[in-house]
Amino acid sequence: MRLVECFYIAGRELEKIVLKHRFVFPFYKKGSVDFSPGASRVRKEFVDPWGCRWRFPHEGLQGQVVYHPLEDWDKLGELQMPDPDDGIPQEGAPTVPWEAVEEAVRRAREEGGLAVIGMGHGFFFQRLYYLRGYVNLLRDLHFRPPQLFELVEALKDFYLELVRRAVRLKPDAIYFGDDLGNQRRMPFSPRVFREVLFPAYRKIFGFVRRHGVHVHFHSDGHVVEVLDRLVEAGASILNVQDRVNGIANLKRLLKGRVCIDLNVDRRQLLPMGSPREIDAYVRDMILELGSRKGGLMFIAGVYPDVPLRNIDALASAFEKYSKLHLDLG
């Protein structure tokens, strides 16, 4: 579960729940989160290595880009790509140096966990609109100016340089996050994805897979129309949302093909459901999408509107049903 945003609101009451559920939070240590005033990024600004200026208006939550360095295509020639040797750029946060990445891989192995290297959230489609602006990018995807393909090619080459360095560390998986969907549909057609974004995805993911490393891909929103393409590109672990994509669709398109990393409904179930409904949800999802061979994980983005009792209920359900898949065919 991702709880960072809630820690700034609930503080030590939430920490008590986390410490209670060692099965779900095995690596958390008391005092890991700084609850002191000013620890969050609220009302602060940050300029990332691409020149995008971020602003953080809400306590503990991710910010938004308020200055897009390529809002005018005339500035494309001035764009300075980050230096891959510096580390892995993050979304609205400082670059993670390779020394820290290597140390995280080493520590994960020592602690018996999976070694996962994160390429950050918003790595491609979102990075394009962080640079161009959302409306500008949607126009670009429709009219296809040559500058768009020049930028896509440069971004693809940059991430190929990053994954070349990452696979040398022999992680179990490399994580990529890119929100491709809205609540009911995608902001562009499957054809646009196939013709503009898919070739870059396939090159980057394919390189990772050829080196025996899993590709863990995350997307929020409705992405049903491109799930096949994501698998074809090389994603072997797919983190997608449940309600907006439909469990029947996920079962039909993904079960048995990839590991489904199911994103628990954070719009209705977690903030407004009862502990009993949360318990039933976890059980039902395992019965629908799980198997004795595995292939199902859960992730929950828990935000400040989720009652503490529901956080406790979700962690309890994960513990209660952790071996239910062994009873399945």
C-alpha atoms as a PDB file:
ATOM      1  CA  MET A   1       0.000   0.000   0.000  1.00  0.00           C
ATOM      2  CA  ARG A   2       1.130   3.547  -0.755  1.00  0.00           C
ATOM      3  CA  LEU A   3       0.481   5.591   2.369  1.00  0.00           C
ATOM      4  CA  VAL A   4       2.908   8.497   2.113  1.00  0.00           C
ATOM      5  CA  GLU A   5       0.205  11.077   1.414  1.00  0.00           C
ATOM      6  CA  CYS A   6      -1.773   9.984   4.480  1.00  0.00           C
ATOM      7  CA  PHE A   7       1.150  10.099   6.868  1.00  0.00           C
ATOM      8  CA  TYR A   8       1.161  13.892   6.835  1.00  0.00           C
ATOM      9  CA  ILE A   9      -2.514  13.898   7.869  1.00  0.00           C
ATOM     10  CA  ALA A  10      -2.920  10.902  10.197  1.00  0.00           C
ATOM     11  CA  GLY A  11       0.614  10.851  11.529  1.00  0.00           C
ATOM     12  CA  ARG A  12       1.389   8.417  14.295  1.00  0.00           C
ATOM     13  CA  GLU A  13      -2.119   6.893  14.360  1.00  0.00           C
ATOM     14  CA  LEU A  14      -1.468   5.552  10.891  1.00  0.00           C
ATOM     15  CA  GLU A  15       2.005   4.442  11.871  1.00  0.00           C
ATOM     16  CA  LYS A  16       0.446   2.251  14.588  1.00  0.00           C
ATOM     17  CA  ILE A  17      -1.613   0.436  11.945  1.00  0.00           C
ATOM     18  CA  VAL A  18       1.426  -0.031   9.720  1.00  0.00           C
ATOM     19  CA  LEU A  19       3.478  -1.490  12.560  1.00  0.00           C
ATOM     20  CA  LYS A  20       0.595  -3.819  13.425  1.00  0.00           C
ATOM     21  CA  HIS A  21       0.649  -5.430   9.956  1.00  0.00           C
ATOM     22  CA  ARG A  22       4.183  -6.698   9.526  1.00  0.00           C
ATOM     23  CA  PHE A  23       3.120  -9.103   6.757  1.00  0.00           C
ATOM     24  CA  VAL A  24       1.978  -6.195   4.567  1.00  0.00           C
ATOM     25  CA  PHE A  25       4.678  -3.716   5.624  1.00  0.00           C
ATOM     26  CA  PRO A  26       7.688  -5.940   6.379  1.00  0.00           C
ATOM     27  CA  PHE A  27      10.330  -3.286   5.734  1.00  0.00           C
ATOM     28  CA  TYR A  28       8.765  -0.321   7.540  1.00  0.00           C
ATOM     29  CA  LYS A  29      10.600   0.817  10.650  1.00  0.00           C
ATOM     30  CA  LYS A  30       9.174   3.073  13.327  1.00  0.00           C
ATOM     31  CA  GLY A  31      10.116   6.667  12.710  1.00  0.00           C
ATOM     32  CA  SER A  32      10.759   6.170   8.978  1.00  0.00           C
ATOM     33  CA  VAL A  33       8.461   9.088   8.099  1.00  0.00           C
ATOM     34  CA  ASP A  34       9.192  12.637   9.190  1.00  0.00           C
ATOM     35  CA  PHE A  35       5.975  14.114  10.656  1.00  0.00           C
ATOM     36  CA  SER A  36       7.520  17.466  11.508  1.00  0.00           C
ATOM     37  CA  PRO A  37       6.105  20.718  10.040  1.00  0.00           C
ATOM     38  CA  GLY A  38       7.550  21.474   6.643  1.00  0.00           C
ATOM     39  CA  ALA A  39       8.383  17.857   5.853  1.00  0.00           C
ATOM     40  CA  SER A  40       5.963  17.791   2.911  1.00  0.00           C
ATOM     41  CA  ARG A  41       6.261  19.809  -0.313  1.00  0.00           C
ATOM     42  CA  VAL A  42       3.054  21.830   0.070  1.00  0.00           C
ATOM     43  CA  ARG A  43       3.214  25.256  -1.619  1.00  0.00           C
ATOM     44  CA  LYS A  44       6.808  24.641  -2.685  1.00  0.00           C
ATOM     45  CA  GLU A  45       8.151  24.679  -6.227  1.00  0.00           C
ATOM     46  CA  PHE A  46      10.705  22.483  -7.948  1.00  0.00           C
ATOM     47  CA  VAL A  47      12.378  22.663 -11.371  1.00  0.00           C
ATOM     48  CA  ASP A  48      13.192  19.206 -12.711  1.00  0.00           C
ATOM     49  CA  PRO A  49      16.165  18.288 -14.955  1.00  0.00           C
ATOM     50  CA  TRP A  50      14.045  18.832 -18.076  1.00  0.00           C
ATOM     51  CA  GLY A  51      13.242  22.424 -17.115  1.00  0.00           C
ATOM     52  CA  CYS A  52       9.631  21.734 -16.080  1.00  0.00           C
ATOM     53  CA  ARG A  53       8.545  23.790 -13.074  1.00  0.00           C
ATOM     54  CA  TRP A  54       6.415  21.913 -10.542  1.00  0.00           C
ATOM     55  CA  ARG A  55       4.101  23.333  -7.893  1.00  0.00           C
ATOM     56  CA  PHE A  56       2.683  21.361  -4.947  1.00  0.00           C
ATOM     57  CA  PRO A  57      -0.614  22.916  -3.782  1.00  0.00           C
ATOM     58  CA  HIS A  58      -1.856  20.097  -1.511  1.00  0.00           C
ATOM     59  CA  GLU A  59      -0.275  18.570   1.561  1.00  0.00           C
ATOM     60  CA  GLY A  60       1.579  15.357   0.800  1.00  0.00           C
ATOM     61  CA  LEU A  61       0.221  14.968  -2.760  1.00  0.00           C
ATOM     62  CA  GLN A  62       2.012  15.059  -6.087  1.00  0.00           C
ATOM     63  CA  GLY A  63       2.162  18.456  -7.740  1.00  0.00           C
ATOM     64  CA  GLN A  64       1.566  19.681 -11.248  1.00  0.00           C
ATOM     65  CA  VAL A  65       3.684  21.296 -13.937  1.00  0.00           C
ATOM     66  CA  VAL A  66       3.062  25.037 -14.147  1.00  0.00           C
ATOM     67  CA  TYR A  67       5.744  25.813 -16.743  1.00  0.00           C
ATOM     68  CA  HIS A  68       6.245  23.717 -19.889  1.00  0.00           C
ATOM     69  CA  PRO A  69       9.635  24.384 -21.513  1.00  0.00           C
ATOM     70  CA  LEU A  70       8.464  23.233 -24.973  1.00  0.00           C
ATOM     71  CA  GLU A  71       5.128  25.029 -24.999  1.00  0.00           C
ATOM     72  CA  ASP A  72       6.475  26.629 -28.180  1.00  0.00           C
ATOM     73  CA  TRP A  73       8.088  24.211 -30.649  1.00  0.00           C
ATOM     74  CA  ASP A  74      10.633  26.937 -31.498  1.00  0.00           C
ATOM     75  CA  LYS A  75      12.341  26.043 -28.194  1.00  0.00           C
ATOM     76  CA  LEU A  76      12.919  22.409 -29.155  1.00  0.00           C
ATOM     77  CA  GLY A  77      16.493  23.122 -30.236  1.00  0.00           C
ATOM     78  CA  GLU A  78      17.214  24.559 -26.780  1.00  0.00           C
ATOM     79  CA  LEU A  79      15.997  21.484 -24.863  1.00  0.00           C
ATOM     80  CA  GLN A  80      18.755  19.902 -22.808  1.00  0.00           C
ATOM     81  CA  MET A  81      18.128  16.232 -22.089  1.00  0.00           C
ATOM     82  CA  PRO A  82      19.219  15.074 -18.624  1.00  0.00           C
ATOM     83  CA  ASP A  83      22.565  13.287 -18.472  1.00  0.00           C
ATOM     84  CA  PRO A  84      21.903   9.526 -18.092  1.00  0.00           C
ATOM     85  CA  ASP A  85      25.095   9.261 -16.031  1.00  0.00           C
ATOM     86  CA  ASP A  86      23.552  11.496 -13.350  1.00  0.00           C
ATOM     87  CA  GLY A  87      20.903   8.942 -12.427  1.00  0.00           C
ATOM     88  CA  ILE A  88      17.175   8.377 -12.961  1.00  0.00           C
ATOM     89  CA  PRO A  89      15.019  11.534 -13.164  1.00  0.00           C
ATOM     90  CA  GLN A  90      11.850  11.415 -11.077  1.00  0.00           C
ATOM     91  CA  GLU A  91       8.425  13.007 -11.451  1.00  0.00           C
ATOM     92  CA  GLY A  92       8.463  16.290  -9.548  1.00  0.00           C
ATOM     93  CA  ALA A  93      11.432  15.205  -7.430  1.00  0.00           C
ATOM     94  CA  PRO A  94      15.241  15.175  -7.572  1.00  0.00           C
ATOM     95  CA  THR A  95      17.138  12.702  -9.733  1.00  0.00           C
ATOM     96  CA  VAL A  96      18.093   9.441  -8.001  1.00  0.00           C
ATOM     97  CA  PRO A  97      21.861   8.944  -8.496  1.00  0.00           C
ATOM     98  CA  TRP A  98      23.087   5.575  -9.699  1.00  0.00           C
ATOM     99  CA  GLU A  99      24.936   5.037  -6.434  1.00  0.00           C
ATOM    100  CA  ALA A 100      21.607   5.144  -4.581  1.00  0.00           C
ATOM    101  CA  VAL A 101      19.992   2.838  -7.157  1.00  0.00           C
ATOM    102  CA  GLU A 102      22.794   0.306  -6.782  1.00  0.00           C
ATOM    103  CA  GLU A 103      22.561   0.486  -2.997  1.00  0.00           C
ATOM    104  CA  ALA A 104      18.770  -0.084  -3.100  1.00  0.00           C
ATOM    105  CA  VAL A 105      19.252  -3.194  -5.272  1.00  0.00           C
ATOM    106  CA  ARG A 106      21.904  -4.535  -2.914  1.00  0.00           C
ATOM    107  CA  ARG A 107      19.771  -3.871   0.166  1.00  0.00           C
ATOM    108  CA  ALA A 108      16.695  -5.514  -1.388  1.00  0.00           C
ATOM    109  CA  ARG A 109      18.685  -8.691  -2.032  1.00  0.00           C
ATOM    110  CA  GLU A 110      20.090  -8.698   1.493  1.00  0.00           C
ATOM    111  CA  GLU A 111      16.590  -8.333   2.985  1.00  0.00           C
ATOM    112  CA  GLY A 112      15.159 -11.090   0.812  1.00  0.00           C
ATOM    113  CA  GLY A 113      12.949  -8.811  -1.279  1.00  0.00           C
ATOM    114  CA  LEU A 114      12.665  -8.285  -5.005  1.00  0.00           C
ATOM    115  CA  ALA A 115      15.170  -5.886  -6.503  1.00  0.00           C
ATOM    116  CA  VAL A 116      13.147  -3.357  -8.506  1.00  0.00           C
ATOM    117  CA  ILE A 117      14.606  -0.296 -10.216  1.00  0.00           C
ATOM    118  CA  GLY A 118      12.090   2.487 -10.776  1.00  0.00           C
ATOM    119  CA  MET A 119      12.228   4.593 -13.926  1.00  0.00           C
ATOM    120  CA  GLY A 120       9.745   6.906 -12.260  1.00  0.00           C
ATOM    121  CA  HIS A 121       6.133   7.788 -12.896  1.00  0.00           C
ATOM    122  CA  GLY A 122       5.181   9.813 -15.950  1.00  0.00           C
ATOM    123  CA  PHE A 123       8.082   8.497 -17.939  1.00  0.00           C
ATOM    124  CA  PHE A 124       6.860   8.892 -21.555  1.00  0.00           C
ATOM    125  CA  PHE A 125       3.362  10.074 -22.563  1.00  0.00           C
ATOM    126  CA  GLN A 126       3.153  12.183 -19.448  1.00  0.00           C
ATOM    127  CA  ARG A 127       6.689  13.485 -19.917  1.00  0.00           C
ATOM    128  CA  LEU A 128       5.660  14.621 -23.396  1.00  0.00           C
ATOM    129  CA  TYR A 129       2.861  16.756 -21.978  1.00  0.00           C
ATOM    130  CA  TYR A 130       4.965  17.954 -19.063  1.00  0.00           C
ATOM    131  CA  LEU A 131       7.259  19.353 -21.744  1.00  0.00           C
ATOM    132  CA  ARG A 132       4.603  20.513 -24.220  1.00  0.00           C
ATOM    133  CA  GLY A 133       1.491  21.106 -22.108  1.00  0.00           C
ATOM    134  CA  TYR A 134      -1.499  18.740 -22.167  1.00  0.00           C
ATOM    135  CA  VAL A 135      -3.643  20.530 -24.761  1.00  0.00           C
ATOM    136  CA  ASN A 136      -0.657  21.170 -27.007  1.00  0.00           C
ATOM    137  CA  LEU A 137       0.292  17.498 -26.931  1.00  0.00           C
ATOM    138  CA  LEU A 138      -3.217  16.327 -27.791  1.00  0.00           C
ATOM    139  CA  ARG A 139      -3.144  18.653 -30.805  1.00  0.00           C
ATOM    140  CA  ASP A 140       0.262  17.245 -31.728  1.00  0.00           C
ATOM    141  CA  LEU A 141      -1.051  13.688 -31.585  1.00  0.00           C
ATOM    142  CA  HIS A 142      -3.796  14.686 -34.020  1.00  0.00           C
ATOM    143  CA  PHE A 143      -1.805  16.821 -36.486  1.00  0.00           C
ATOM    144  CA  ARG A 144       1.542  14.940 -36.168  1.00  0.00           C
ATOM    145  CA  PRO A 145       4.078  17.765 -36.658  1.00  0.00           C
ATOM    146  CA  PRO A 146       7.617  16.509 -37.381  1.00  0.00           C
ATOM    147  CA  GLN A 147       8.845  18.019 -34.095  1.00  0.00           C
ATOM    148  CA  LEU A 148       6.665  15.534 -32.194  1.00  0.00           C
ATOM    149  CA  PHE A 149       8.493  12.561 -33.701  1.00  0.00           C
ATOM    150  CA  GLU A 150      11.846  14.244 -33.095  1.00  0.00           C
ATOM    151  CA  LEU A 151      10.950  14.616 -29.416  1.00  0.00           C
ATOM    152  CA  VAL A 152       9.588  11.055 -29.155  1.00  0.00           C
ATOM    153  CA  GLU A 153      12.808   9.715 -30.693  1.00  0.00           C
ATOM    154  CA  ALA A 154      14.974  11.726 -28.287  1.00  0.00           C
ATOM    155  CA  LEU A 155      12.954  10.551 -25.301  1.00  0.00           C
ATOM    156  CA  LYS A 156      13.154   6.930 -26.467  1.00  0.00           C
ATOM    157  CA  ASP A 157      16.932   7.158 -26.842  1.00  0.00           C
ATOM    158  CA  PHE A 158      17.251   8.717 -23.393  1.00  0.00           C
ATOM    159  CA  TYR A 159      15.342   5.881 -21.711  1.00  0.00           C
ATOM    160  CA  LEU A 160      17.284   3.282 -23.657  1.00  0.00           C
ATOM    161  CA  GLU A 161      20.438   4.775 -22.149  1.00  0.00           C
ATOM    162  CA  LEU A 162      18.887   4.550 -18.672  1.00  0.00           C
ATOM    163  CA  VAL A 163      17.801   0.922 -19.015  1.00  0.00           C
ATOM    164  CA  ARG A 164      21.219  -0.044 -20.418  1.00  0.00           C
ATOM    165  CA  ARG A 165      22.694   1.123 -17.133  1.00  0.00           C
ATOM    166  CA  ALA A 166      19.883  -0.400 -15.073  1.00  0.00           C
ATOM    167  CA  VAL A 167      20.096  -3.944 -16.460  1.00  0.00           C
ATOM    168  CA  ARG A 168      23.803  -4.101 -15.572  1.00  0.00           C
ATOM    169  CA  LEU A 169      22.690  -4.174 -11.926  1.00  0.00           C
ATOM    170  CA  LYS A 170      20.664  -7.348 -12.662  1.00  0.00           C
ATOM    171  CA  PRO A 171      17.415  -6.332 -10.942  1.00  0.00           C
ATOM    172  CA  ASP A 172      14.368  -8.590 -10.884  1.00  0.00           C
ATOM    173  CA  ALA A 173      12.221  -5.918 -12.522  1.00  0.00           C
ATOM    174  CA  ILE A 174      12.299  -2.375 -13.849  1.00  0.00           C
ATOM    175  CA  TYR A 175       9.251  -0.224 -13.139  1.00  0.00           C
ATOM    176  CA  PHE A 176       7.764   2.303 -15.571  1.00  0.00           C
ATOM    177  CA  GLY A 177       4.756   4.504 -14.794  1.00  0.00           C
ATOM    178  CA  ASP A 178       2.746   6.346 -17.444  1.00  0.00           C
ATOM    179  CA  ASP A 179      -0.934   7.248 -17.008  1.00  0.00           C
ATOM    180  CA  LEU A 180      -2.467   6.543 -20.414  1.00  0.00           C
ATOM    181  CA  GLY A 181      -6.159   6.623 -19.497  1.00  0.00           C
ATOM    182  CA  ASN A 182      -8.937   8.869 -18.283  1.00  0.00           C
ATOM    183  CA  GLN A 183     -11.873   7.623 -16.241  1.00  0.00           C
ATOM    184  CA  ARG A 184     -14.035   6.339 -19.116  1.00  0.00           C
ATOM    185  CA  ARG A 185     -11.735   6.259 -22.119  1.00  0.00           C
ATOM    186  CA  MET A 186      -8.259   7.134 -23.317  1.00  0.00           C
ATOM    187  CA  PRO A 187      -7.331  10.713 -24.282  1.00  0.00           C
ATOM    188  CA  PHE A 188      -6.162   9.439 -27.670  1.00  0.00           C
ATOM    189  CA  SER A 189      -7.157   6.597 -29.960  1.00  0.00           C
ATOM    190  CA  PRO A 190      -5.577   3.121 -29.975  1.00  0.00           C
ATOM    191  CA  ARG A 191      -4.288   4.023 -33.440  1.00  0.00           C
ATOM    192  CA  VAL A 192      -2.374   7.006 -32.020  1.00  0.00           C
ATOM    193  CA  PHE A 193      -0.858   4.769 -29.381  1.00  0.00           C
ATOM    194  CA  ARG A 194       0.115   2.168 -31.986  1.00  0.00           C
ATOM    195  CA  GLU A 195       1.677   4.664 -34.388  1.00  0.00           C
ATOM    196  CA  VAL A 196       3.298   7.221 -32.064  1.00  0.00           C
ATOM    197  CA  LEU A 197       3.998   5.717 -28.636  1.00  0.00           C
ATOM    198  CA  PHE A 198       4.063   1.942 -29.103  1.00  0.00           C
ATOM    199  CA  PRO A 199       7.303   1.793 -31.158  1.00  0.00           C
ATOM    200  CA  ALA A 200       9.195   3.547 -28.351  1.00  0.00           C
ATOM    201  CA  TYR A 201       7.588   1.389 -25.670  1.00  0.00           C
ATOM    202  CA  ARG A 202       8.496  -1.745 -27.614  1.00  0.00           C
ATOM    203  CA  LYS A 203      12.142  -0.700 -28.031  1.00  0.00           C
ATOM    204  CA  ILE A 204      12.574   0.191 -24.340  1.00  0.00           C
ATOM    205  CA  PHE A 205      10.627  -2.738 -22.877  1.00  0.00           C
ATOM    206  CA  GLY A 206      12.055  -5.180 -25.396  1.00  0.00           C
ATOM    207  CA  PHE A 207      15.603  -4.268 -24.404  1.00  0.00           C
ATOM    208  CA  VAL A 208      14.777  -4.930 -20.746  1.00  0.00           C
ATOM    209  CA  ARG A 209      13.110  -8.273 -21.453  1.00  0.00           C
ATOM    210  CA  ARG A 210      15.997  -9.469 -23.642  1.00  0.00           C
ATOM    211  CA  HIS A 211      18.216  -9.096 -20.587  1.00  0.00           C
ATOM    212  CA  GLY A 212      15.989 -11.367 -18.512  1.00  0.00           C
ATOM    213  CA  VAL A 213      14.444  -8.578 -16.437  1.00  0.00           C
ATOM    214  CA  HIS A 214      10.708  -8.134 -15.912  1.00  0.00           C
ATOM    215  CA  VAL A 215       8.949  -4.961 -17.060  1.00  0.00           C
ATOM    216  CA  HIS A 216       6.537  -3.695 -14.407  1.00  0.00           C
ATOM    217  CA  PHE A 217       4.281  -1.146 -16.093  1.00  0.00           C
ATOM    218  CA  HIS A 218       1.753   1.098 -14.353  1.00  0.00           C
ATOM    219  CA  SER A 219      -1.070   3.119 -15.853  1.00  0.00           C
ATOM    220  CA  ASP A 220      -3.998   4.784 -14.161  1.00  0.00           C
ATOM    221  CA  GLY A 221      -7.251   5.140 -16.037  1.00  0.00           C
ATOM    222  CA  HIS A 222      -9.143   3.228 -18.725  1.00  0.00           C
ATOM    223  CA  VAL A 223      -6.619   1.413 -20.938  1.00  0.00           C
ATOM    224  CA  VAL A 224      -8.580  -1.633 -22.111  1.00  0.00           C
ATOM    225  CA  GLU A 225      -8.001  -0.836 -25.786  1.00  0.00           C
ATOM    226  CA  VAL A 226      -4.202  -0.998 -25.472  1.00  0.00           C
ATOM    227  CA  LEU A 227      -3.711  -3.854 -22.987  1.00  0.00           C
ATOM    228  CA  ASP A 228      -2.801  -6.246 -25.810  1.00  0.00           C
ATOM    229  CA  ARG A 229      -0.276  -3.746 -27.119  1.00  0.00           C
ATOM    230  CA  LEU A 230       1.308  -3.293 -23.704  1.00  0.00           C
ATOM    231  CA  VAL A 231       1.778  -7.048 -23.419  1.00  0.00           C
ATOM    232  CA  GLU A 232       3.167  -7.145 -26.967  1.00  0.00           C
ATOM    233  CA  ALA A 233       5.586  -4.325 -26.087  1.00  0.00           C
ATOM    234  CA  GLY A 234       7.008  -6.472 -23.310  1.00  0.00           C
ATOM    235  CA  ALA A 235       5.166  -5.623 -20.101  1.00  0.00           C
ATOM    236  CA  SER A 236       5.181  -8.737 -17.919  1.00  0.00           C
ATOM    237  CA  ILE A 237       3.635  -7.143 -14.814  1.00  0.00           C
ATOM    238  CA  LEU A 238       0.726  -4.788 -15.456  1.00  0.00           C
ATOM    239  CA  ASN A 239      -0.501  -2.444 -12.732  1.00  0.00           C
ATOM    240  CA  VAL A 240      -3.957  -1.301 -13.822  1.00  0.00           C
ATOM    241  CA  GLN A 241      -7.069  -0.022 -12.093  1.00  0.00           C
ATOM    242  CA  ASP A 242      -9.962  -2.328 -11.394  1.00  0.00           C
ATOM    243  CA  ARG A 243     -13.215  -0.362 -11.688  1.00  0.00           C
ATOM    244  CA  VAL A 244     -12.397   1.774 -14.731  1.00  0.00           C
ATOM    245  CA  ASN A 245     -11.190  -1.205 -16.775  1.00  0.00           C
ATOM    246  CA  GLY A 246     -13.639  -3.837 -15.543  1.00  0.00           C
ATOM    247  CA  ILE A 247     -12.643  -7.076 -13.866  1.00  0.00           C
ATOM    248  CA  ALA A 248     -14.168  -9.127 -16.696  1.00  0.00           C
ATOM    249  CA  ASN A 249     -11.928  -7.319 -19.215  1.00  0.00           C
ATOM    250  CA  LEU A 250      -8.819  -7.826 -17.101  1.00  0.00           C
ATOM    251  CA  LYS A 251      -9.632 -11.503 -16.698  1.00  0.00           C
ATOM    252  CA  ARG A 252     -10.254 -11.956 -20.425  1.00  0.00           C
ATOM    253  CA  LEU A 253      -7.242  -9.999 -21.670  1.00  0.00           C
ATOM    254  CA  LEU A 254      -4.564 -10.524 -19.028  1.00  0.00           C
ATOM    255  CA  LYS A 255      -5.145 -13.545 -16.798  1.00  0.00           C
ATOM    256  CA  GLY A 256      -2.560 -16.223 -17.523  1.00  0.00           C
ATOM    257  CA  ARG A 257      -0.572 -13.923 -19.831  1.00  0.00           C
ATOM    258  CA  VAL A 258       1.061 -11.518 -17.373  1.00  0.00           C
ATOM    259  CA  CYS A 259       1.122 -10.854 -13.661  1.00  0.00           C
ATOM    260  CA  ILE A 260      -1.829  -8.579 -12.866  1.00  0.00           C
ATOM    261  CA  ASP A 261      -0.896  -5.967 -10.284  1.00  0.00           C
ATOM    262  CA  LEU A 262      -4.431  -4.906  -9.406  1.00  0.00           C
ATOM    263  CA  ASN A 263      -4.934  -1.302  -8.321  1.00  0.00           C
ATOM    264  CA  VAL A 264      -7.620  -1.360  -5.607  1.00  0.00           C
ATOM    265  CA  ASP A 265     -10.548   1.007  -6.222  1.00  0.00           C
ATOM    266  CA  ARG A 266      -9.644   4.260  -4.469  1.00  0.00           C
ATOM    267  CA  ARG A 267     -12.627   6.311  -5.642  1.00  0.00           C
ATOM    268  CA  GLN A 268     -15.429   4.397  -3.913  1.00  0.00           C
ATOM    269  CA  LEU A 269     -14.357   1.238  -2.101  1.00  0.00           C
ATOM    270  CA  LEU A 270     -11.503   2.556   0.025  1.00  0.00           C
ATOM    271  CA  PRO A 271     -12.946   5.934   1.059  1.00  0.00           C
ATOM    272  CA  MET A 272     -16.630   4.952   1.285  1.00  0.00           C
ATOM    273  CA  GLY A 273     -16.808   1.163   1.614  1.00  0.00           C
ATOM    274  CA  SER A 274     -17.163  -0.750   4.856  1.00  0.00           C
ATOM    275  CA  PRO A 275     -14.483  -3.051   6.310  1.00  0.00           C
ATOM    276  CA  ARG A 276     -16.738  -5.987   5.394  1.00  0.00           C
ATOM    277  CA  GLU A 277     -16.938  -4.842   1.765  1.00  0.00           C
ATOM    278  CA  ILE A 278     -13.168  -4.443   1.610  1.00  0.00           C
ATOM    279  CA  ASP A 279     -12.675  -7.961   2.978  1.00  0.00           C
ATOM    280  CA  ALA A 280     -15.100  -9.391   0.397  1.00  0.00           C
ATOM    281  CA  TYR A 281     -13.414  -7.441  -2.401  1.00  0.00           C
ATOM    282  CA  VAL A 282      -9.966  -8.921  -1.720  1.00  0.00           C
ATOM    283  CA  ARG A 283     -11.399 -12.438  -1.540  1.00  0.00           C
ATOM    284  CA  ASP A 284     -13.459 -12.045  -4.728  1.00  0.00           C
ATOM    285  CA  MET A 285     -10.550 -10.609  -6.738  1.00  0.00           C
ATOM    286  CA  ILE A 286      -8.342 -13.557  -5.800  1.00  0.00           C
ATOM    287  CA  LEU A 287     -11.073 -15.974  -6.854  1.00  0.00           C
ATOM    288  CA  GLU A 288     -11.553 -14.149 -10.183  1.00  0.00           C
ATOM    289  CA  LEU A 289      -7.997 -13.284 -11.176  1.00  0.00           C
ATOM    290  CA  GLY A 290      -5.748 -15.534  -9.101  1.00  0.00           C
ATOM    291  CA  SER A 291      -4.511 -19.056  -9.626  1.00  0.00           C
ATOM    292  CA  ARG A 292      -2.402 -21.616  -7.831  1.00  0.00           C
ATOM    293  CA  LYS A 293       0.492 -20.599 -10.065  1.00  0.00           C
ATOM    294  CA  GLY A 294       0.236 -16.962  -8.922  1.00  0.00           C
ATOM    295  CA  GLY A 295      -0.054 -14.112 -11.383  1.00  0.00           C
ATOM    296  CA  LEU A 296      -1.916 -11.671  -9.129  1.00  0.00           C
ATOM    297  CA  MET A 297      -0.683  -8.876  -6.885  1.00  0.00           C
ATOM    298  CA  PHE A 298      -2.477  -5.959  -5.243  1.00  0.00           C
ATOM    299  CA  ILE A 299      -1.517  -2.344  -4.824  1.00  0.00           C
ATOM    300  CA  ALA A 300      -3.588   0.294  -3.058  1.00  0.00           C
ATOM    301  CA  GLY A 301      -3.125   4.051  -3.325  1.00  0.00           C
ATOM    302  CA  VAL A 302      -4.476   5.178   0.043  1.00  0.00           C
ATOM    303  CA  TYR A 303      -5.256   8.892   0.197  1.00  0.00           C
ATOM    304  CA  PRO A 304      -6.340  11.204   3.023  1.00  0.00           C
ATOM    305  CA  ASP A 305     -10.066  10.541   2.416  1.00  0.00           C
ATOM    306  CA  VAL A 306      -9.688   6.877   3.473  1.00  0.00           C
ATOM    307  CA  PRO A 307     -10.736   6.192   7.102  1.00  0.00           C
ATOM    308  CA  LEU A 308      -8.100   4.545   9.251  1.00  0.00           C
ATOM    309  CA  ARG A 309     -10.448   1.595   9.893  1.00  0.00           C
ATOM    310  CA  ASN A 310     -10.470   0.870   6.143  1.00  0.00           C
ATOM    311  CA  ILE A 311      -6.683   0.933   5.942  1.00  0.00           C
ATOM    312  CA  ASP A 312      -6.635  -1.557   8.789  1.00  0.00           C
ATOM    313  CA  ALA A 313      -9.326  -3.665   7.078  1.00  0.00           C
ATOM    314  CA  LEU A 314      -7.428  -3.782   3.789  1.00  0.00           C
ATOM    315  CA  ALA A 315      -4.180  -4.858   5.431  1.00  0.00           C
ATOM    316  CA  SER A 316      -6.093  -7.462   7.454  1.00  0.00           C
ATOM    317  CA  ALA A 317      -7.727  -8.842   4.296  1.00  0.00           C
ATOM    318  CA  PHE A 318      -4.366  -9.130   2.550  1.00  0.00           C
ATOM    319  CA  GLU A 319      -3.103 -11.146   5.497  1.00  0.00           C
ATOM    320  CA  LYS A 320      -6.262 -13.250   5.795  1.00  0.00           C
ATOM    321  CA  TYR A 321      -6.356 -14.304   2.133  1.00  0.00           C
ATOM    322  CA  SER A 322      -2.629 -14.424   1.395  1.00  0.00           C
ATOM    323  CA  LYS A 323      -2.787 -18.193   0.700  1.00  0.00           C
ATOM    324  CA  LEU A 324      -6.260 -18.434  -0.795  1.00  0.00           C
ATOM    325  CA  HIS A 325      -4.832 -18.814  -4.303  1.00  0.00           C
ATOM    326  CA  LEU A 326      -3.338 -22.161  -3.257  1.00  0.00           C
ATOM    327  CA  ASP A 327      -6.859 -23.589  -3.095  1.00  0.00           C
ATOM    328  CA  LEU A 328      -7.601 -22.628  -6.714  1.00  0.00           C
ATOM    329  CA  GLY A 329      -7.220 -24.686  -9.857  1.00  0.00           C
END
